[in-house]
C-alpha atoms as a PDB file:
ATOM      1  CA  MET A   1       0.000   0.000   0.000  1.00  0.00           C
ATOM      2  CA  THR A   2       1.250   3.450  -0.827  1.00  0.00           C
ATOM      3  CA  ILE A   3      -0.163   6.752   0.241  1.00  0.00           C
ATOM      4  CA  ASN A   4       0.381  10.225  -1.094  1.00  0.00           C
ATOM      5  CA  LYS A   5       0.899  12.277   2.053  1.00  0.00           C
ATOM      6  CA  PHE A   6       0.831  15.607   0.275  1.00  0.00           C
ATOM      7  CA  ALA A   7      -2.423  14.754  -1.536  1.00  0.00           C
ATOM      8  CA  LEU A   8      -4.001  13.726   1.776  1.00  0.00           C
ATOM      9  CA  PHE A   9      -2.793  16.992   3.334  1.00  0.00           C
ATOM     10  CA  GLU A  10      -4.195  19.072   0.478  1.00  0.00           C
ATOM     11  CA  ALA A  11      -7.516  17.212   0.546  1.00  0.00           C
ATOM     12  CA  ALA A  12      -7.901  17.752   4.293  1.00  0.00           C
ATOM     13  CA  LYS A  13      -6.852  21.394   4.058  1.00  0.00           C
ATOM     14  CA  SER A  14      -9.358  22.042   1.272  1.00  0.00           C
ATOM     15  CA  LEU A  15     -12.214  21.169   3.639  1.00  0.00           C
ATOM     16  CA  TRP A  16     -11.313  24.050   5.952  1.00  0.00           C
ATOM     17  CA  PRO A  17     -12.215  27.696   5.321  1.00  0.00           C
ATOM     18  CA  ALA A  18      -9.336  29.935   4.250  1.00  0.00           C
ATOM     19  CA  THR A  19      -9.724  32.030   7.399  1.00  0.00           C
ATOM     20  CA  ILE A  20     -11.581  31.879  10.699  1.00  0.00           C
ATOM     21  CA  ASP A  21     -12.470  35.082  12.545  1.00  0.00           C
ATOM     22  CA  LEU A  22     -12.166  34.251  16.232  1.00  0.00           C
ATOM     23  CA  THR A  23     -14.018  37.415  17.273  1.00  0.00           C
ATOM     24  CA  LYS A  24     -17.092  36.220  15.383  1.00  0.00           C
ATOM     25  CA  ASP A  25     -16.782  32.589  16.443  1.00  0.00           C
ATOM     26  CA  PRO A  26     -14.272  31.856  19.226  1.00  0.00           C
ATOM     27  CA  ASP A  27     -15.079  28.140  18.965  1.00  0.00           C
ATOM     28  CA  GLY A  28     -14.918  28.144  15.170  1.00  0.00           C
ATOM     29  CA  PRO A  29     -11.974  25.765  14.731  1.00  0.00           C
ATOM     30  CA  HIS A  30     -13.496  23.192  17.087  1.00  0.00           C
ATOM     31  CA  ASP A  31     -16.965  23.535  15.575  1.00  0.00           C
ATOM     32  CA  ILE A  32     -15.573  23.146  12.065  1.00  0.00           C
ATOM     33  CA  TYR A  33     -13.471  20.131  13.071  1.00  0.00           C
ATOM     34  CA  TRP A  34     -16.488  18.310  14.539  1.00  0.00           C
ATOM     35  CA  ALA A  35     -18.665  19.200  11.552  1.00  0.00           C
ATOM     36  CA  LEU A  36     -16.013  17.766   9.232  1.00  0.00           C
ATOM     37  CA  GLU A  37     -15.706  14.628  11.365  1.00  0.00           C
ATOM     38  CA  ARG A  38     -19.402  14.026  10.695  1.00  0.00           C
ATOM     39  CA  ILE A  39     -19.117  14.354   6.903  1.00  0.00           C
ATOM     40  CA  VAL A  40     -15.862  12.475   6.315  1.00  0.00           C
ATOM     41  CA  PRO A  41     -16.699   8.843   5.468  1.00  0.00           C
ATOM     42  CA  VAL A  42     -16.252   6.620   8.520  1.00  0.00           C
ATOM     43  CA  ASP A  43     -14.787   3.856   6.347  1.00  0.00           C
ATOM     44  CA  ASP A  44     -12.032   6.120   4.990  1.00  0.00           C
ATOM     45  CA  ASP A  45      -9.405   5.792   7.720  1.00  0.00           C
ATOM     46  CA  TRP A  46      -6.871   8.012   5.996  1.00  0.00           C
ATOM     47  CA  GLN A  47      -9.301  10.853   5.445  1.00  0.00           C
ATOM     48  CA  GLN A  48     -10.461  10.556   9.055  1.00  0.00           C
ATOM     49  CA  ILE A  49      -6.886  10.529  10.334  1.00  0.00           C
ATOM     50  CA  THR A  50      -5.870  13.561   8.286  1.00  0.00           C
ATOM     51  CA  MET A  51      -8.480  15.693  10.042  1.00  0.00           C
ATOM     52  CA  TRP A  52      -6.667  15.336  13.383  1.00  0.00           C
ATOM     53  CA  PRO A  53      -3.636  17.508  12.639  1.00  0.00           C
ATOM     54  CA  PHE A  54      -5.872  20.446  11.871  1.00  0.00           C
ATOM     55  CA  GLN A  55      -6.721  20.486  15.541  1.00  0.00           C
ATOM     56  CA  ALA A  56      -3.226  21.964  15.673  1.00  0.00           C
ATOM     57  CA  LEU A  57      -5.068  25.177  14.933  1.00  0.00           C
ATOM     58  CA  ASP A  58      -5.085  25.418  18.719  1.00  0.00           C
ATOM     59  CA  GLU A  59      -1.514  26.642  18.429  1.00  0.00           C
ATOM     60  CA  MET A  60      -2.591  29.243  15.879  1.00  0.00           C
ATOM     61  CA  GLU A  61      -5.359  30.323  18.239  1.00  0.00           C
ATOM     62  CA  LYS A  62      -2.921  30.687  21.140  1.00  0.00           C
ATOM     63  CA  ARG A  63      -0.486  32.738  19.049  1.00  0.00           C
ATOM     64  CA  ALA A  64      -3.359  34.883  17.772  1.00  0.00           C
ATOM     65  CA  ALA A  65      -4.620  35.552  21.284  1.00  0.00           C
ATOM     66  CA  ALA A  66      -1.126  36.373  22.527  1.00  0.00           C
ATOM     67  CA  THR A  67      -0.576  38.890  19.742  1.00  0.00           C
ATOM     68  CA  GLY A  68      -4.082  40.350  19.575  1.00  0.00           C
ATOM     69  CA  VAL A  69      -4.841  38.863  16.169  1.00  0.00           C
ATOM     70  CA  SER A  70      -8.421  37.738  15.624  1.00  0.00           C
ATOM     71  CA  ILE A  71      -8.149  35.869  12.324  1.00  0.00           C
ATOM     72  CA  ILE A  72      -6.391  32.552  11.832  1.00  0.00           C
ATOM     73  CA  ALA A  73      -5.752  30.864   8.499  1.00  0.00           C
ATOM     74  CA  PRO A  74      -6.111  27.072   8.357  1.00  0.00           C
ATOM     75  CA  HIS A  75      -4.797  27.160   4.786  1.00  0.00           C
ATOM     76  CA  ALA A  76      -1.518  28.490   6.181  1.00  0.00           C
ATOM     77  CA  VAL A  77      -0.833  25.184   7.957  1.00  0.00           C
ATOM     78  CA  ARG A  78       2.433  23.932   6.487  1.00  0.00           C
ATOM     79  CA  PHE A  79       2.928  20.345   5.361  1.00  0.00           C
ATOM     80  CA  ALA A  80       5.871  19.971   7.775  1.00  0.00           C
ATOM     81  CA  ASP A  81       3.620  20.863  10.729  1.00  0.00           C
ATOM     82  CA  PHE A  82       0.876  18.578   9.434  1.00  0.00           C
ATOM     83  CA  ASP A  83       3.372  15.711   9.061  1.00  0.00           C
ATOM     84  CA  LYS A  84       4.723  16.267  12.578  1.00  0.00           C
ATOM     85  CA  CYS A  85       1.183  16.140  14.007  1.00  0.00           C
ATOM     86  CA  MET A  86       0.345  13.056  11.964  1.00  0.00           C
ATOM     87  CA  ARG A  87       3.397  11.241  13.299  1.00  0.00           C
ATOM     88  CA  SER A  88       2.581  12.259  16.865  1.00  0.00           C
ATOM     89  CA  ASN A  89      -1.070  11.241  16.563  1.00  0.00           C
ATOM     90  CA  LEU A  90      -0.272   7.897  14.972  1.00  0.00           C
ATOM     91  CA  ALA A  91       2.276   7.170  17.707  1.00  0.00           C
ATOM     92  CA  GLY A  92      -0.323   7.770  20.405  1.00  0.00           C
ATOM     93  CA  ASP A  93      -1.889   4.327  20.352  1.00  0.00           C
ATOM     94  CA  GLU A  94      -0.813   0.924  19.097  1.00  0.00           C
ATOM     95  CA  CYS A  95      -4.125   0.494  17.281  1.00  0.00           C
ATOM     96  CA  TRP A  96      -2.595   2.799  14.616  1.00  0.00           C
ATOM     97  CA  ALA A  97       0.605   0.749  14.235  1.00  0.00           C
ATOM     98  CA  MET A  98      -0.130  -0.295  10.637  1.00  0.00           C
ATOM     99  CA  GLU A  99      -1.047   3.236   9.553  1.00  0.00           C
ATOM    100  CA  ARG A 100       1.993   4.634  11.376  1.00  0.00           C
ATOM    101  CA  ALA A 101       4.250   2.167   9.531  1.00  0.00           C
ATOM    102  CA  PHE A 102       2.779   3.225   6.187  1.00  0.00           C
ATOM    103  CA  TRP A 103       3.060   6.906   7.027  1.00  0.00           C
ATOM    104  CA  GLU A 104       6.639   6.650   8.233  1.00  0.00           C
ATOM    105  CA  SER A 105       7.841   4.468   5.367  1.00  0.00           C
ATOM    106  CA  ASP A 106       6.098   6.223   2.502  1.00  0.00           C
ATOM    107  CA  THR A 107       8.266   8.750   0.693  1.00  0.00           C
ATOM    108  CA  GLU A 108       5.595  10.696  -1.184  1.00  0.00           C
END
């Protein structure tokens, strides 16, 4: 089995809005994440898994709050950050051992 990490990243990113105004919806990133969880097919493990790293928007939210910025940009998430979160998430539980092996061995 091979996976195209960058294609999975782009597909997940495309589901998110370009920007989220935290003054209009402070819970926007969490609300969007849970809405996407409901529409992503439950039998598509890779698409489900690729939604997790976008919870890393928490870091964007923290930086925004610390600097007085009210708008965050999910489309600004870099592949390197996404990959780091994917690796961390897949290492969190042995039930993801097969997916982790694929992710770590795939070069795309």
